Amino acid sequence: MIEYIKGRLVEKNPTDVVIETTSGVAYLINVSLYTYGKIKETETLKLYIHTVIREDAHQLFGFFFTGGEGNFP
């Protein structure tokens, strides 16, 4: 289980961000509009992660604080 991901913001979209860690791995992370609005363009970003594993996909959802899952409809 992933607790959080911290790294350099590579890409920012209203529904997702890409964070590259110091080890060179880039993660696509879904975010809410609330989290999107809080992200600054040039910063090291730390997002707490909720992982959803389905038969056809593994998805990561990112939040600035633990318990942020309620921000998704």
Protein backbone atom coordinates (compact mmCIF):
# COMPACT_ATOMS: atom_id res chain seq x y z
CA MET A 1 0.00 0.00 0.00
CA ILE A 2 1.27 3.47 -0.86
CA GLU A 3 0.97 6.03 1.95
CA TYR A 4 2.12 9.08 -0.02
CA ILE A 5 4.14 10.10 -3.07
CA LYS A 6 6.56 13.01 -2.96
CA GLY A 7 8.39 14.42 -5.96
CA ARG A 8 8.65 17.02 -8.68
CA LEU A 9 5.46 18.10 -10.43
CA VAL A 10 5.86 17.22 -14.13
CA GLU A 11 2.33 17.78 -15.42
CA LYS A 12 -0.83 19.35 -13.98
CA ASN A 13 -4.36 18.88 -15.37
CA PRO A 14 -7.75 19.51 -13.71
CA THR A 15 -8.32 15.77 -13.21
CA ASP A 16 -4.78 14.42 -12.71
CA VAL A 17 -1.13 15.23 -12.09
CA VAL A 18 2.15 13.50 -12.89
CA ILE A 19 4.77 13.41 -10.13
CA GLU A 20 8.33 12.21 -10.77
CA THR A 21 10.10 10.85 -7.70
CA THR A 22 13.84 11.19 -7.03
CA SER A 23 14.30 7.61 -8.27
CA GLY A 24 12.99 8.64 -11.70
CA VAL A 25 9.60 6.91 -11.52
CA ALA A 26 6.66 9.06 -12.69
CA TYR A 27 3.17 8.46 -11.29
CA LEU A 28 -0.13 9.54 -12.84
CA ILE A 29 -2.36 10.50 -9.91
CA ASN A 30 -6.05 11.43 -10.12
CA VAL A 31 -6.95 14.54 -8.12
CA SER A 32 -10.12 16.37 -7.15
CA LEU A 33 -10.74 19.96 -8.26
CA TYR A 34 -10.05 21.04 -4.66
CA THR A 35 -6.60 19.43 -4.73
CA TYR A 36 -5.95 20.75 -8.25
CA GLY A 37 -6.62 24.29 -7.06
CA LYS A 38 -4.15 23.95 -4.17
CA ILE A 39 -1.23 22.76 -6.32
CA LYS A 40 1.35 25.38 -7.27
CA GLU A 41 3.11 24.99 -10.64
CA THR A 42 6.74 24.86 -9.52
CA GLU A 43 6.96 22.92 -6.33
CA THR A 44 7.92 19.63 -4.83
CA LEU A 45 4.59 17.99 -4.23
CA LYS A 46 3.53 15.47 -1.58
CA LEU A 47 0.16 13.78 -1.99
CA TYR A 48 -1.39 11.15 0.26
CA ILE A 49 -2.56 8.25 -1.86
CA HIS A 50 -5.68 6.12 -2.00
CA THR A 51 -5.16 3.12 -4.32
CA VAL A 52 -8.01 1.50 -6.24
CA ILE A 53 -7.31 -1.85 -7.88
CA ARG A 54 -9.82 -3.19 -10.37
CA GLU A 55 -9.72 -5.99 -12.89
CA ASP A 56 -8.94 -3.56 -15.71
CA ALA A 57 -7.04 -0.76 -13.93
CA HIS A 58 -4.86 0.29 -11.01
CA GLN A 59 -5.64 3.90 -10.09
CA LEU A 60 -4.01 6.31 -7.66
CA PHE A 61 -6.00 9.16 -6.10
CA GLY A 62 -4.07 11.97 -4.42
CA PHE A 63 -4.98 14.30 -1.53
CA PHE A 64 -3.16 16.95 0.49
CA PHE A 65 -4.27 15.32 3.74
CA THR A 66 -5.31 11.88 4.89
CA GLY A 67 -9.04 11.22 4.77
CA GLY A 68 -9.51 13.34 1.65
CA GLU A 69 -11.35 10.59 -0.19
CA GLY A 70 -14.62 12.39 0.52
CA ASN A 71 -13.66 15.03 -2.09
CA PHE A 72 -14.46 12.62 -4.94
CA PRO A 73 -18.11 12.20 -6.00
